[in-house]
Amino acid sequence: MTALLFLALSACAAMAPAPDEPLVDLRAVEPRVVIDMRYATPDNFTKTTLYPAGRCLLRSAVAKRLSLVQTDLEAQGLGLKVWDCYRPLSIQKKFWALVPDTRYVADPKKGSRHNRGAAVDVTLVDAGGRELEMPTRFDDFSQRAHRDWMGAAPAALRNRQILESAMARHGFVGLATEWWHFDAKGFSRYPVLDEPLLAPAR
């Protein structure tokens, strides 16, 4: 093996996420991101409160990437609002019971990227924390939420593209059917978890 190849493989290994990489609270890593965990409230498609705490937990490398996205957006007078992060597998099963459609809800037999702590549901906010116009509301299970749908208002399409570009620059890949959902590259290396989403210890 040449020295150059060895260095390249070593660099790739260093960048690869570790399966046992811990979940961290996004507030501790990046307090500038607005947290609005919808499943910790009844303001979601189930109309019930599913999380006992409104915490955004992510694998540490994923949280750091999201911090870089926030920094980039702030240079444009914008920022991120997070609607969902890590989701226990037990909650995924409840979603599947309501919407057994793999276009919008991952089959719990395989697990969601959210169950791995490697996916986020996000939108854009202005400098005052106000949401910008997007093609749909969160958890809109229709074609209007698809990333290639062009029937929205020009401002909504522009904001969707700003968000997608900012996320892509730091290793996030958008889901085709949900403009708000982004997976961190390398998500498959993380195991599916069913750890409870608890309030932080005092």
Protein backbone atom coordinates (compact mmCIF):
# COMPACT_ATOMS: atom_id res chain seq x y z
CA MET A 1 0.00 0.00 0.00
CA THR A 2 1.44 3.38 -0.96
CA ALA A 3 1.83 6.10 1.66
CA LEU A 4 -0.63 8.30 -0.24
CA LEU A 5 -3.30 5.59 -0.27
CA PHE A 6 -2.74 4.88 3.42
CA LEU A 7 -3.21 8.55 4.29
CA ALA A 8 -6.40 8.73 2.20
CA LEU A 9 -7.86 5.66 3.90
CA SER A 10 -6.91 7.00 7.31
CA ALA A 11 -8.64 10.31 6.55
CA CYS A 12 -11.80 8.51 5.47
CA ALA A 13 -11.78 6.42 8.64
CA ALA A 14 -11.39 9.55 10.76
CA MET A 15 -14.40 11.13 9.07
CA ALA A 16 -16.62 8.06 9.43
CA PRO A 17 -19.04 8.24 12.34
CA ALA A 18 -18.54 5.77 15.17
CA PRO A 19 -21.49 3.46 15.89
CA ASP A 20 -21.22 4.28 19.61
CA GLU A 21 -21.01 8.04 19.07
CA PRO A 22 -23.15 9.60 21.81
CA LEU A 23 -26.34 11.55 21.47
CA VAL A 24 -25.87 15.16 22.53
CA ASP A 25 -28.31 17.97 23.24
CA LEU A 26 -28.24 20.45 20.35
CA ARG A 27 -28.74 23.36 22.77
CA ALA A 28 -25.37 22.56 24.34
CA VAL A 29 -23.64 22.44 20.96
CA GLU A 30 -25.46 25.25 19.13
CA PRO A 31 -27.75 27.46 21.27
CA ARG A 32 -28.50 29.78 18.33
CA VAL A 33 -30.77 27.24 16.61
CA VAL A 34 -34.46 27.68 17.48
CA ILE A 35 -35.89 24.50 19.02
CA ASP A 36 -39.58 23.76 18.42
CA MET A 37 -39.96 20.02 18.93
CA ARG A 38 -43.46 19.47 17.57
CA TYR A 39 -43.92 15.98 18.96
CA ALA A 40 -43.42 17.33 22.46
CA THR A 41 -46.68 19.24 21.88
CA PRO A 42 -50.07 18.39 20.33
CA ASP A 43 -49.19 20.63 17.35
CA ASN A 44 -48.40 17.75 14.99
CA PHE A 45 -50.21 15.38 12.66
CA THR A 46 -51.10 12.98 15.49
CA LYS A 47 -52.70 15.80 17.52
CA THR A 48 -51.17 14.26 20.64
CA THR A 49 -48.06 14.88 22.74
CA LEU A 50 -45.62 12.03 22.07
CA TYR A 51 -42.36 13.24 23.62
CA PRO A 52 -42.08 13.95 27.36
CA ALA A 53 -39.45 16.64 26.70
CA GLY A 54 -38.78 19.10 23.90
CA ARG A 55 -35.12 18.17 23.49
CA CYS A 56 -33.26 17.92 20.19
CA LEU A 57 -30.80 15.07 20.59
CA LEU A 58 -28.41 14.19 17.76
CA ARG A 59 -25.23 12.24 17.27
CA SER A 60 -22.40 14.59 18.20
CA ALA A 61 -20.95 14.79 14.68
CA VAL A 62 -24.39 15.57 13.26
CA ALA A 63 -24.97 18.33 15.81
CA LYS A 64 -21.62 19.88 14.88
CA ARG A 65 -22.56 19.86 11.19
CA LEU A 66 -25.85 21.56 11.99
CA SER A 67 -23.94 24.25 13.89
CA LEU A 68 -21.96 24.97 10.72
CA VAL A 69 -25.22 25.33 8.77
CA GLN A 70 -26.46 27.84 11.35
CA THR A 71 -23.26 29.86 11.03
CA ASP A 72 -23.57 29.98 7.24
CA LEU A 73 -27.21 31.07 7.41
CA GLU A 74 -26.52 33.80 9.95
CA ALA A 75 -24.24 35.43 7.39
CA GLN A 76 -27.43 35.85 5.32
CA GLY A 77 -29.49 37.15 8.24
CA LEU A 78 -31.21 33.78 8.61
CA GLY A 79 -31.19 30.78 10.90
CA LEU A 80 -32.57 27.32 11.56
CA LYS A 81 -35.63 26.14 13.44
CA VAL A 82 -35.65 22.44 14.35
CA TRP A 83 -38.92 20.48 14.50
CA ASP A 84 -37.60 16.97 15.13
CA CYS A 85 -34.30 15.23 15.81
CA TYR A 86 -33.71 11.89 17.52
CA ARG A 87 -36.92 9.86 17.73
CA PRO A 88 -37.23 6.66 19.80
CA LEU A 89 -38.17 3.54 17.82
CA SER A 90 -41.27 3.08 19.98
CA ILE A 91 -42.58 6.43 18.70
CA GLN A 92 -41.73 5.41 15.13
CA LYS A 93 -44.05 2.44 15.54
CA LYS A 94 -46.88 4.78 16.53
CA PHE A 95 -46.26 6.91 13.42
CA TRP A 96 -46.31 3.82 11.21
CA ALA A 97 -49.61 2.69 12.70
CA LEU A 98 -51.11 6.03 11.65
CA VAL A 99 -49.35 6.51 8.28
CA PRO A 100 -48.05 3.18 6.88
CA ASP A 101 -46.63 4.88 3.79
CA THR A 102 -42.87 4.69 3.22
CA ARG A 103 -42.92 7.93 1.24
CA TYR A 104 -43.51 9.80 4.49
CA VAL A 105 -42.89 7.44 7.43
CA ALA A 106 -40.08 4.90 7.69
CA ASP A 107 -41.07 1.32 8.38
CA PRO A 108 -40.01 0.62 11.99
CA LYS A 109 -38.82 -2.85 10.92
CA LYS A 110 -35.94 -1.03 9.22
CA GLY A 111 -35.85 2.02 11.44
CA SER A 112 -35.83 5.68 10.56
CA ARG A 113 -32.80 7.94 10.26
CA HIS A 114 -34.41 9.82 13.15
CA ASN A 115 -34.19 6.63 15.23
CA ARG A 116 -30.44 6.72 14.63
CA GLY A 117 -30.02 10.33 15.79
CA ALA A 118 -28.82 11.23 12.30
CA ALA A 119 -31.74 13.15 10.77
CA VAL A 120 -33.39 16.50 11.38
CA ASP A 121 -36.61 18.21 10.38
CA VAL A 122 -35.86 21.90 9.93
CA THR A 123 -37.03 25.15 8.42
CA LEU A 124 -35.70 28.68 7.98
CA VAL A 125 -36.25 31.64 10.29
CA ASP A 126 -35.31 35.30 9.97
CA ALA A 127 -33.04 37.13 12.40
CA GLY A 128 -35.99 37.58 14.76
CA GLY A 129 -36.77 33.85 14.83
CA ARG A 130 -39.86 34.11 12.61
CA GLU A 131 -40.47 31.27 10.18
CA LEU A 132 -40.04 32.07 6.51
CA GLU A 133 -42.57 31.04 3.89
CA MET A 134 -42.16 27.46 2.66
CA PRO A 135 -44.20 25.34 0.20
CA THR A 136 -46.19 23.67 3.01
CA ARG A 137 -46.52 23.35 6.74
CA PHE A 138 -44.58 20.68 8.62
CA ASP A 139 -45.81 17.10 8.16
CA ASP A 140 -47.84 17.80 5.05
CA PHE A 141 -48.28 14.36 3.51
CA SER A 142 -49.03 15.55 0.00
CA GLN A 143 -47.21 16.15 -3.26
CA ARG A 144 -46.89 19.82 -2.35
CA ALA A 145 -44.27 18.85 0.23
CA HIS A 146 -42.14 17.04 -2.35
CA ARG A 147 -38.77 18.62 -2.98
CA ASP A 148 -39.39 18.85 -6.73
CA TRP A 149 -42.85 20.44 -6.49
CA MET A 150 -42.71 23.82 -8.22
CA GLY A 151 -46.27 25.04 -7.66
CA ALA A 152 -45.51 27.09 -4.55
CA ALA A 153 -45.09 30.86 -4.42
CA PRO A 154 -41.72 32.17 -5.68
CA ALA A 155 -40.67 33.22 -2.16
CA ALA A 156 -41.39 29.73 -0.82
CA LEU A 157 -39.41 28.09 -3.61
CA ARG A 158 -36.51 30.48 -3.02
CA ASN A 159 -36.48 29.78 0.71
CA ARG A 160 -36.62 26.03 0.13
CA GLN A 161 -33.57 26.28 -2.12
CA ILE A 162 -31.64 28.41 0.39
CA LEU A 163 -32.29 25.80 3.07
CA GLU A 164 -31.38 22.88 0.84
CA SER A 165 -28.15 24.50 -0.35
CA ALA A 166 -27.06 25.41 3.18
CA MET A 167 -27.73 21.89 4.45
CA ALA A 168 -26.05 20.21 1.48
CA ARG A 169 -22.85 22.21 2.02
CA HIS A 170 -22.39 20.47 5.34
CA GLY A 171 -23.25 16.90 4.44
CA PHE A 172 -27.03 16.71 4.74
CA VAL A 173 -29.17 15.07 2.06
CA GLY A 174 -32.82 16.03 1.65
CA LEU A 175 -35.65 13.51 1.52
CA ALA A 176 -37.44 13.66 -1.85
CA THR A 177 -40.95 13.72 -0.37
CA GLU A 178 -40.40 16.15 2.54
CA TRP A 179 -38.68 19.50 2.00
CA TRP A 180 -37.98 19.80 5.76
CA HIS A 181 -36.30 16.40 6.27
CA PHE A 182 -32.51 16.00 5.98
CA ASP A 183 -30.33 12.95 6.61
CA ALA A 184 -26.72 13.22 7.65
CA LYS A 185 -24.38 11.40 5.29
CA GLY A 186 -23.15 8.20 6.92
CA PHE A 187 -26.39 7.69 8.87
CA SER A 188 -26.36 3.93 8.20
CA ARG A 189 -23.32 3.50 10.44
CA TYR A 190 -25.39 4.44 13.49
CA PRO A 191 -27.60 1.82 15.16
CA VAL A 192 -31.32 2.28 15.66
CA LEU A 193 -32.12 3.32 19.24
CA ASP A 194 -35.16 3.20 21.46
CA GLU A 195 -33.76 5.26 24.34
CA PRO A 196 -36.45 7.41 25.99
CA LEU A 197 -36.38 11.13 25.25
CA LEU A 198 -36.12 12.44 28.79
CA ALA A 199 -35.89 15.92 30.24
CA PRO A 200 -32.32 16.96 31.12
CA ALA A 201 -31.11 16.21 34.63
CA ARG A 202 -31.14 19.18 36.99
